[in-house]
Each structure stands twice: as structure tokens, then as C-alpha cells.
PDB file of N, CA and C in Angstrom:
ATOM      1  N   MET A   1       3.939   0.901  21.476  1.00  0.00           N
ATOM      2  CA  MET A   1       2.593   1.224  21.903  1.00  0.00           C
ATOM      3  C   MET A   1       2.275   2.699  21.652  1.00  0.00           C
ATOM      4  N   GLU A   2       3.217   3.591  21.971  1.00  0.00           N
ATOM      5  CA  GLU A   2       3.008   5.024  21.757  1.00  0.00           C
ATOM      6  C   GLU A   2       2.865   5.332  20.271  1.00  0.00           C
ATOM      7  N   LYS A   3       3.623   4.640  19.452  1.00  0.00           N
ATOM      8  CA  LYS A   3       3.554   4.861  18.004  1.00  0.00           C
ATOM      9  C   LYS A   3       2.176   4.458  17.470  1.00  0.00           C
ATOM     10  N   GLU A   4       1.629   3.357  17.984  1.00  0.00           N
ATOM     11  CA  GLU A   4       0.293   2.912  17.571  1.00  0.00           C
ATOM     12  C   GLU A   4      -0.771   3.919  17.988  1.00  0.00           C
ATOM     13  N   LYS A   5      -0.646   4.484  19.186  1.00  0.00           N
ATOM     14  CA  LYS A   5      -1.600   5.496  19.647  1.00  0.00           C
ATOM     15  C   LYS A   5      -1.528   6.734  18.759  1.00  0.00           C
ATOM     16  N   LEU A   6      -0.325   7.125  18.388  1.00  0.00           N
ATOM     17  CA  LEU A   6      -0.131   8.290  17.535  1.00  0.00           C
ATOM     18  C   LEU A   6      -0.757   8.059  16.162  1.00  0.00           C
ATOM     19  N   ILE A   7      -0.555   6.874  15.608  1.00  0.00           N
ATOM     20  CA  ILE A   7      -1.141   6.538  14.311  1.00  0.00           C
ATOM     21  C   ILE A   7      -2.664   6.551  14.413  1.00  0.00           C
ATOM     22  N   HIS A   8      -3.192   5.989  15.486  1.00  0.00           N
ATOM     23  CA  HIS A   8      -4.649   5.952  15.673  1.00  0.00           C
ATOM     24  C   HIS A   8      -5.211   7.368  15.803  1.00  0.00           C
ATOM     25  N   LYS A   9      -4.534   8.239  16.535  1.00  0.00           N
ATOM     26  CA  LYS A   9      -4.982   9.625  16.672  1.00  0.00           C
ATOM     27  C   LYS A   9      -4.986  10.335  15.319  1.00  0.00           C
ATOM     28  N   GLU A  10      -3.981  10.079  14.524  1.00  0.00           N
ATOM     29  CA  GLU A  10      -3.892  10.700  13.199  1.00  0.00           C
ATOM     30  C   GLU A  10      -5.039  10.212  12.305  1.00  0.00           C
ATOM     31  N   GLU A  11      -5.359   8.929  12.391  1.00  0.00           N
ATOM     32  CA  GLU A  11      -6.477   8.383  11.610  1.00  0.00           C
ATOM     33  C   GLU A  11      -7.794   9.025  12.035  1.00  0.00           C
ATOM     34  N   ILE A  12      -7.979   9.214  13.333  1.00  0.00           N
ATOM     35  CA  ILE A  12      -9.196   9.856  13.841  1.00  0.00           C
ATOM     36  C   ILE A  12      -9.274  11.290  13.350  1.00  0.00           C
ATOM     37  N   LYS A  13      -8.162  12.008  13.402  1.00  0.00           N
ATOM     38  CA  LYS A  13      -8.140  13.394  12.923  1.00  0.00           C
ATOM     39  C   LYS A  13      -8.485  13.459  11.434  1.00  0.00           C
ATOM     40  N   ARG A  14      -7.935  12.551  10.649  1.00  0.00           N
ATOM     41  CA  ARG A  14      -8.233  12.523   9.214  1.00  0.00           C
ATOM     42  C   ARG A  14      -9.706  12.244   8.974  1.00  0.00           C
ATOM     43  N   TRP A  15     -10.286  11.311   9.759  1.00  0.00           N
ATOM     44  CA  TRP A  15     -11.704  10.979   9.596  1.00  0.00           C
ATOM     45  C   TRP A  15     -12.575  12.169   9.959  1.00  0.00           C
ATOM     46  N   ILE A  16     -12.276  12.824  11.092  1.00  0.00           N
ATOM     47  CA  ILE A  16     -13.067  13.980  11.520  1.00  0.00           C
ATOM     48  C   ILE A  16     -13.027  15.076  10.467  1.00  0.00           C
ATOM     49  N   LYS A  17     -11.854  15.324   9.917  1.00  0.00           N
ATOM     50  CA  LYS A  17     -11.729  16.368   8.895  1.00  0.00           C
ATOM     51  C   LYS A  17     -12.519  15.999   7.641  1.00  0.00           C
ATOM     52  N   ALA A  18     -12.349  14.780   7.159  1.00  0.00           N
ATOM     53  CA  ALA A  18     -13.040  14.354   5.933  1.00  0.00           C
ATOM     54  C   ALA A  18     -14.557  14.296   6.138  1.00  0.00           C
ATOM     55  N   ALA A  19     -14.996  13.751   7.256  1.00  0.00           N
ATOM     56  CA  ALA A  19     -16.432  13.652   7.531  1.00  0.00           C
ATOM     57  C   ALA A  19     -17.033  15.040   7.724  1.00  0.00           C
ATOM     58  N   GLY A  20     -16.300  15.929   8.377  1.00  0.00           N
ATOM     59  CA  GLY A  20     -16.771  17.292   8.579  1.00  0.00           C
ATOM     60  C   GLY A  20     -16.928  18.044   7.264  1.00  0.00           C
ATOM     61  N   ILE A  21     -15.948  17.918   6.388  1.00  0.00           N
ATOM     62  CA  ILE A  21     -16.031  18.562   5.071  1.00  0.00           C
ATOM     63  C   ILE A  21     -17.220  18.021   4.295  1.00  0.00           C
ATOM     64  N   ARG A  22     -17.383  16.718   4.322  1.00  0.00           N
ATOM     65  CA  ARG A  22     -18.507  16.093   3.609  1.00  0.00           C
ATOM     66  C   ARG A  22     -19.849  16.559   4.178  1.00  0.00           C
ATOM     67  N   ALA A  23     -19.954  16.654   5.504  1.00  0.00           N
ATOM     68  CA  ALA A  23     -21.199  17.079   6.143  1.00  0.00           C
ATOM     69  C   ALA A  23     -21.520  18.536   5.800  1.00  0.00           C
ATOM     70  N   VAL A  24     -20.513  19.396   5.820  1.00  0.00           N
ATOM     71  CA  VAL A  24     -20.739  20.811   5.490  1.00  0.00           C
ATOM     72  C   VAL A  24     -21.187  20.956   4.040  1.00  0.00           C
ATOM     73  N   LYS A  25     -20.571  20.209   3.140  1.00  0.00           N
ATOM     74  CA  LYS A  25     -20.983  20.260   1.730  1.00  0.00           C
ATOM     75  C   LYS A  25     -22.428  19.780   1.571  1.00  0.00           C
ATOM     76  N   THR A  26     -22.779  18.717   2.279  1.00  0.00           N
ATOM     77  CA  THR A  26     -24.148  18.194   2.214  1.00  0.00           C
ATOM     78  C   THR A  26     -25.140  19.212   2.748  1.00  0.00           C
ATOM     79  N   MET A  27     -24.784  19.859   3.854  1.00  0.00           N
ATOM     80  CA  MET A  27     -25.666  20.873   4.436  1.00  0.00           C
ATOM     81  C   MET A  27     -25.853  22.047   3.474  1.00  0.00           C
ATOM     82  N   ALA A  28     -24.779  22.469   2.820  1.00  0.00           N
ATOM     83  CA  ALA A  28     -24.872  23.581   1.869  1.00  0.00           C
ATOM     84  C   ALA A  28     -25.756  23.207   0.684  1.00  0.00           C
ATOM     85  N   GLN A  29     -25.609  21.993   0.190  1.00  0.00           N
ATOM     86  CA  GLN A  29     -26.443  21.541  -0.928  1.00  0.00           C
ATOM     87  C   GLN A  29     -27.916  21.501  -0.526  1.00  0.00           C
ATOM     88  N   THR A  30     -28.192  21.007   0.668  1.00  0.00           N
ATOM     89  CA  THR A  30     -29.574  20.938   1.144  1.00  0.00           C
ATOM     90  C   THR A  30     -30.161  22.338   1.310  1.00  0.00           C
ATOM     91  N   ALA A  31     -29.377  23.239   1.893  1.00  0.00           N
ATOM     92  CA  ALA A  31     -29.846  24.611   2.079  1.00  0.00           C
ATOM     93  C   ALA A  31     -30.129  25.266   0.730  1.00  0.00           C
ATOM     94  N   ALA A  32     -29.215  25.100  -0.220  1.00  0.00           N
ATOM     95  CA  ALA A  32     -29.408  25.699  -1.544  1.00  0.00           C
ATOM     96  C   ALA A  32     -30.664  25.159  -2.223  1.00  0.00           C
ATOM     97  N   ALA A  33     -30.872  23.860  -2.122  1.00  0.00           N
ATOM     98  CA  ALA A  33     -32.051  23.256  -2.754  1.00  0.00           C
ATOM     99  C   ALA A  33     -33.340  23.702  -2.059  1.00  0.00           C
ATOM    100  N   THR A  34     -33.326  23.719  -0.732  1.00  0.00           N
ATOM    101  CA  THR A  34     -34.525  24.099   0.020  1.00  0.00           C
ATOM    102  C   THR A  34     -34.872  25.567  -0.203  1.00  0.00           C
ATOM    103  N   ILE A  35     -33.882  26.428  -0.073  1.00  0.00           N
ATOM    104  CA  ILE A  35     -34.113  27.864  -0.243  1.00  0.00           C
ATOM    105  C   ILE A  35     -34.460  28.177  -1.698  1.00  0.00           C
ATOM    106  N   GLY A  36     -33.750  27.542  -2.617  1.00  0.00           N
ATOM    107  CA  GLY A  36     -34.021  27.777  -4.040  1.00  0.00           C
ATOM    108  C   GLY A  36     -35.421  27.379  -4.441  1.00  0.00           C
ATOM    109  N   THR A  37     -35.856  26.236  -3.969  1.00  0.00           N
ATOM    110  CA  THR A  37     -37.207  25.759  -4.286  1.00  0.00           C
ATOM    111  C   THR A  37     -38.253  26.674  -3.665  1.00  0.00           C
ATOM    112  N   ALA A  38     -38.032  27.048  -2.412  1.00  0.00           N
ATOM    113  CA  ALA A  38     -38.990  27.909  -1.728  1.00  0.00           C
ATOM    114  C   ALA A  38     -39.013  29.313  -2.332  1.00  0.00           C
ATOM    115  N   ALA A  39     -37.870  29.796  -2.787  1.00  0.00           N
ATOM    116  CA  ALA A  39     -37.808  31.133  -3.384  1.00  0.00           C
ATOM    117  C   ALA A  39     -38.630  31.192  -4.658  1.00  0.00           C
ATOM    118  N   VAL A  40     -38.636  30.100  -5.419  1.00  0.00           N
ATOM    119  CA  VAL A  40     -39.452  30.044  -6.633  1.00  0.00           C
ATOM    120  C   VAL A  40     -40.922  30.179  -6.255  1.00  0.00           C
ATOM    121  N   LEU A  41     -41.283  29.594  -5.136  1.00  0.00           N
ATOM    122  CA  LEU A  41     -42.665  29.678  -4.657  1.00  0.00           C
ATOM    123  C   LEU A  41     -42.906  30.956  -3.849  1.00  0.00           C
ATOM    124  N   ARG A  42     -41.879  31.768  -3.690  1.00  0.00           N
ATOM    125  CA  ARG A  42     -41.915  33.048  -2.962  1.00  0.00           C
ATOM    126  C   ARG A  42     -42.314  32.899  -1.488  1.00  0.00           C
ATOM    127  N   ASP A  43     -41.911  31.813  -0.880  1.00  0.00           N
ATOM    128  CA  ASP A  43     -42.240  31.609   0.527  1.00  0.00           C
ATOM    129  C   ASP A  43     -41.153  30.768   1.188  1.00  0.00           C
ATOM    130  N   VAL A  44     -40.047  31.407   1.572  1.00  0.00           N
ATOM    131  CA  VAL A  44     -38.937  30.685   2.191  1.00  0.00           C
ATOM    132  C   VAL A  44     -39.234  30.520   3.685  1.00  0.00           C
ATOM    133  N   ASP A  45     -39.342  29.286   4.132  1.00  0.00           N
ATOM    134  CA  ASP A  45     -39.497  28.976   5.555  1.00  0.00           C
ATOM    135  C   ASP A  45     -38.089  28.715   6.101  1.00  0.00           C
ATOM    136  N   TRP A  46     -37.505  29.736   6.710  1.00  0.00           N
ATOM    137  CA  TRP A  46     -36.111  29.671   7.133  1.00  0.00           C
ATOM    138  C   TRP A  46     -35.871  28.599   8.194  1.00  0.00           C
ATOM    139  N   MET A  47     -36.800  28.392   9.087  1.00  0.00           N
ATOM    140  CA  MET A  47     -36.629  27.347  10.108  1.00  0.00           C
ATOM    141  C   MET A  47     -36.621  25.964   9.467  1.00  0.00           C
ATOM    142  N   MET A  48     -37.476  25.767   8.473  1.00  0.00           N
ATOM    143  CA  MET A  48     -37.507  24.484   7.774  1.00  0.00           C
ATOM    144  C   MET A  48     -36.206  24.278   7.004  1.00  0.00           C
ATOM    145  N   ALA A  49     -35.705  25.327   6.353  1.00  0.00           N
ATOM    146  CA  ALA A  49     -34.453  25.225   5.602  1.00  0.00           C
ATOM    147  C   ALA A  49     -33.293  24.909   6.541  1.00  0.00           C
ATOM    148  N   LEU A  50     -33.254  25.576   7.691  1.00  0.00           N
ATOM    149  CA  LEU A  50     -32.200  25.332   8.667  1.00  0.00           C
ATOM    150  C   LEU A  50     -32.290  23.926   9.240  1.00  0.00           C
ATOM    151  N   SER A  51     -33.487  23.495   9.627  1.00  0.00           N
ATOM    152  CA  SER A  51     -33.618  22.157  10.223  1.00  0.00           C
ATOM    153  C   SER A  51     -33.313  21.064   9.204  1.00  0.00           C
ATOM    154  N   ALA A  52     -33.719  21.255   7.955  1.00  0.00           N
ATOM    155  CA  ALA A  52     -33.405  20.263   6.915  1.00  0.00           C
ATOM    156  C   ALA A  52     -31.900  20.191   6.683  1.00  0.00           C
ATOM    157  N   SER A  53     -31.242  21.338   6.704  1.00  0.00           N
ATOM    158  CA  SER A  53     -29.785  21.368   6.497  1.00  0.00           C
ATOM    159  C   SER A  53     -29.051  20.700   7.647  1.00  0.00           C
ATOM    160  N   LEU A  54     -29.471  20.987   8.884  1.00  0.00           N
ATOM    161  CA  LEU A  54     -28.833  20.354  10.041  1.00  0.00           C
ATOM    162  C   LEU A  54     -29.053  18.847  10.046  1.00  0.00           C
ATOM    163  N   LEU A  55     -30.254  18.426   9.712  1.00  0.00           N
ATOM    164  CA  LEU A  55     -30.543  16.995   9.656  1.00  0.00           C
ATOM    165  C   LEU A  55     -29.695  16.314   8.588  1.00  0.00           C
ATOM    166  N   SER A  56     -29.543  16.953   7.441  1.00  0.00           N
ATOM    167  CA  SER A  56     -28.724  16.350   6.384  1.00  0.00           C
ATOM    168  C   SER A  56     -27.270  16.242   6.815  1.00  0.00           C
ATOM    169  N   GLY A  57     -26.787  17.227   7.572  1.00  0.00           N
ATOM    170  CA  GLY A  57     -25.419  17.158   8.092  1.00  0.00           C
ATOM    171  C   GLY A  57     -25.243  16.018   9.068  1.00  0.00           C
ATOM    172  N   LEU A  58     -26.212  15.841   9.958  1.00  0.00           N
ATOM    173  CA  LEU A  58     -26.163  14.726  10.915  1.00  0.00           C
ATOM    174  C   LEU A  58     -26.197  13.381  10.193  1.00  0.00           C
ATOM    175  N   LEU A  59     -27.087  13.263   9.216  1.00  0.00           N
ATOM    176  CA  LEU A  59     -27.164  12.012   8.449  1.00  0.00           C
ATOM    177  C   LEU A  59     -25.873  11.750   7.682  1.00  0.00           C
ATOM    178  N   SER A  60     -25.249  12.801   7.187  1.00  0.00           N
ATOM    179  CA  SER A  60     -23.975  12.652   6.494  1.00  0.00           C
ATOM    180  C   SER A  60     -22.907  12.106   7.437  1.00  0.00           C
ATOM    181  N   LEU A  61     -22.849  12.638   8.649  1.00  0.00           N
ATOM    182  CA  LEU A  61     -21.869  12.137   9.632  1.00  0.00           C
ATOM    183  C   LEU A  61     -22.132  10.677   9.983  1.00  0.00           C
ATOM    184  N   LEU A  62     -23.393  10.323  10.154  1.00  0.00           N
ATOM    185  CA  LEU A  62     -23.725   8.928  10.461  1.00  0.00           C
ATOM    186  C   LEU A  62     -23.368   8.006   9.303  1.00  0.00           C
ATOM    187  N   THR A  63     -23.609   8.461   8.088  1.00  0.00           N
ATOM    188  CA  THR A  63     -23.241   7.671   6.914  1.00  0.00           C
ATOM    189  C   THR A  63     -21.722   7.529   6.822  1.00  0.00           C
ATOM    190  N   SER A  64     -21.013   8.586   7.175  1.00  0.00           N
ATOM    191  CA  SER A  64     -19.546   8.551   7.128  1.00  0.00           C
ATOM    192  C   SER A  64     -18.969   7.549   8.113  1.00  0.00           C
ATOM    193  N   ALA A  65     -19.714   7.222   9.156  1.00  0.00           N
ATOM    194  CA  ALA A  65     -19.230   6.240  10.137  1.00  0.00           C
ATOM    195  C   ALA A  65     -19.032   4.875   9.484  1.00  0.00           C
ATOM    196  N   ALA A  66     -19.758   4.627   8.401  1.00  0.00           N
ATOM    197  CA  ALA A  66     -19.612   3.351   7.679  1.00  0.00           C
ATOM    198  C   ALA A  66     -18.336   3.324   6.861  1.00  0.00           C
ATOM    199  N   GLY A  67     -17.757   4.471   6.617  1.00  0.00           N
ATOM    200  CA  GLY A  67     -16.509   4.525   5.882  1.00  0.00           C
ATOM    201  C   GLY A  67     -16.519   5.667   4.881  1.00  0.00           C
ATOM    202  N   LEU A  68     -15.346   6.209   4.670  1.00  0.00           N
ATOM    203  CA  LEU A  68     -15.177   7.289   3.717  1.00  0.00           C
ATOM    204  C   LEU A  68     -14.234   6.831   2.613  1.00  0.00           C
ATOM    205  N   PRO A  69     -14.694   6.805   1.377  1.00  0.00           N
ATOM    206  CA  PRO A  69     -13.846   6.320   0.297  1.00  0.00           C
ATOM    207  C   PRO A  69     -12.548   7.132   0.144  1.00  0.00           C
ATOM    208  N   GLU A  70     -12.604   8.408   0.469  1.00  0.00           N
ATOM    209  CA  GLU A  70     -11.402   9.223   0.311  1.00  0.00           C
ATOM    210  C   GLU A  70     -10.320   8.895   1.318  1.00  0.00           C
ATOM    211  N   LEU A  71     -10.646   8.113   2.343  1.00  0.00           N
ATOM    212  CA  LEU A  71      -9.646   7.714   3.343  1.00  0.00           C
ATOM    213  C   LEU A  71      -9.140   6.291   3.149  1.00  0.00           C
ATOM    214  N   LYS A  72      -9.662   5.605   2.153  1.00  0.00           N
ATOM    215  CA  LYS A  72      -9.232   4.217   1.922  1.00  0.00           C
ATOM    216  C   LYS A  72      -7.777   4.198   1.472  1.00  0.00           C
ATOM    217  N   THR A  73      -7.035   3.284   2.039  1.00  0.00           N
ATOM    218  CA  THR A  73      -5.650   3.086   1.622  1.00  0.00           C
ATOM    219  C   THR A  73      -5.494   1.687   1.057  1.00  0.00           C
ATOM    220  N   GLU A  74      -4.645   1.590   0.113  1.00  0.00           N
ATOM    221  CA  GLU A  74      -4.452   0.283  -0.533  1.00  0.00           C
ATOM    222  C   GLU A  74      -3.227  -0.400  -0.017  1.00  0.00           C
TER     223      GLU A  74
END
């Protein structure tokens, strides 16, 4: 029983790490696109860029709940 709990904890840790990395990358991509587009127009709305980035990170985490291909084992 203890071994199963340990394995389950390790799986959770792996998921949190992988989902977190994916969410941070998604947030960075969203921020770069939002700021880059706004900079071309010479009007960066920093609150909009921040809120869009945070929302994309949240959506990434929710999407990761369905499964992460990098954690699949055969």
C-alpha cells in the first residue's frame, strides 16, 4: 500500500512539473504575441497583455488535465 502511494505521489509530481512547464511556455508565447502586436501599433495595454497571458496559462493547465503526451508510458 505504501509503495502504491509513493508511486502515485511521484506521478502527481511529474504531472505538476510537466503541466507547469507547458503553462509557463504558453503564457510566454501569449505575452510575446500580445506585446509584439501592440508594439507594432505603438499602444501596449499591459493589463490586457497580463490578463491574456494569465488566462492562457489557466487554459493550458485545464487542457493538461485531459492528459500530457510527454507523460505517456507504453
